[in-house]
Amino acid sequence: MATAQLIVCATTARTPLFDGRLAPTDCCIVAVPTERPRVFKSTEMSWEDLVIAAAVYRAGTRAEA
């Protein structure tokens, strides 16, 4: 995993599959839940990641309403 450029996880798991700190900072992680695929690319700054994740969540919630 330390040299991965792409990590794809297709699962219905409700808990993390791996420690995200093990993935390289330039790695693209794709999570495919049961509803629809989502792509997350880290900014390498945790507070910015949180802001981006919150915005994506809010946009998805509005789209589903």
Protein backbone atom coordinates (compact mmCIF):
# COMPACT_ATOMS: atom_id res chain seq x y z
CA MET A 1 0.00 0.00 0.00
CA ALA A 2 2.90 2.38 0.67
CA THR A 3 3.52 2.87 -3.07
CA ALA A 4 -0.08 2.67 -4.32
CA GLN A 5 -1.28 5.26 -6.83
CA LEU A 6 -4.88 4.05 -6.72
CA ILE A 7 -6.85 2.26 -4.01
CA VAL A 8 -10.36 1.03 -4.83
CA CYS A 9 -12.62 -0.32 -2.09
CA ALA A 10 -15.96 -1.87 -3.04
CA THR A 11 -17.68 -2.96 0.14
CA THR A 12 -20.66 -2.61 2.41
CA ALA A 13 -18.37 -2.34 5.46
CA ARG A 14 -19.31 0.29 8.03
CA THR A 15 -15.82 0.49 9.53
CA PRO A 16 -12.54 1.57 7.89
CA LEU A 17 -10.85 -1.10 5.80
CA PHE A 18 -7.35 0.27 6.44
CA ASP A 19 -5.51 3.01 8.24
CA GLY A 20 -5.66 5.99 5.86
CA ARG A 21 -2.27 7.15 7.09
CA LEU A 22 -0.74 4.17 5.25
CA ALA A 23 -1.78 5.49 1.83
CA PRO A 24 0.63 7.83 0.03
CA THR A 25 -0.37 11.50 -0.01
CA ASP A 26 -0.57 11.49 -3.83
CA CYS A 27 -2.75 8.37 -3.96
CA CYS A 28 -6.34 8.48 -5.28
CA ILE A 29 -8.76 6.53 -3.07
CA VAL A 30 -12.09 5.43 -4.53
CA ALA A 31 -14.76 4.09 -2.21
CA VAL A 32 -17.73 2.34 -3.80
CA PRO A 33 -20.57 1.97 -1.28
CA THR A 34 -23.82 0.22 -2.06
CA GLU A 35 -25.64 3.41 -3.17
CA ARG A 36 -23.18 5.10 -5.55
CA PRO A 37 -19.44 5.62 -6.11
CA ARG A 38 -17.63 8.56 -4.53
CA VAL A 39 -14.10 9.79 -5.14
CA PHE A 40 -12.01 11.44 -2.44
CA LYS A 41 -8.66 13.11 -3.03
CA SER A 42 -6.90 14.42 0.02
CA THR A 43 -5.52 17.96 0.11
CA GLU A 44 -2.88 16.71 2.58
CA MET A 45 -4.17 19.22 5.15
CA SER A 46 -6.66 17.60 7.52
CA TRP A 47 -8.70 20.74 8.23
CA GLU A 48 -9.16 21.33 4.48
CA ASP A 49 -10.09 17.67 4.00
CA LEU A 50 -12.81 18.11 6.62
CA VAL A 51 -14.18 21.23 4.90
CA ILE A 52 -14.23 19.46 1.53
CA ALA A 53 -15.85 16.32 2.97
CA ALA A 54 -18.53 18.40 4.70
CA ALA A 55 -19.31 20.29 1.46
CA VAL A 56 -19.56 17.04 -0.52
CA TYR A 57 -21.82 15.54 2.14
CA ARG A 58 -24.12 18.59 2.16
CA ALA A 59 -24.31 18.60 -1.65
CA GLY A 60 -25.18 14.91 -1.71
CA THR A 61 -27.82 15.33 0.99
CA ARG A 62 -29.50 18.14 -0.97
CA ALA A 63 -29.42 16.09 -4.18
CA GLU A 64 -31.11 13.14 -2.47
CA ALA A 65 -33.91 15.28 -0.96
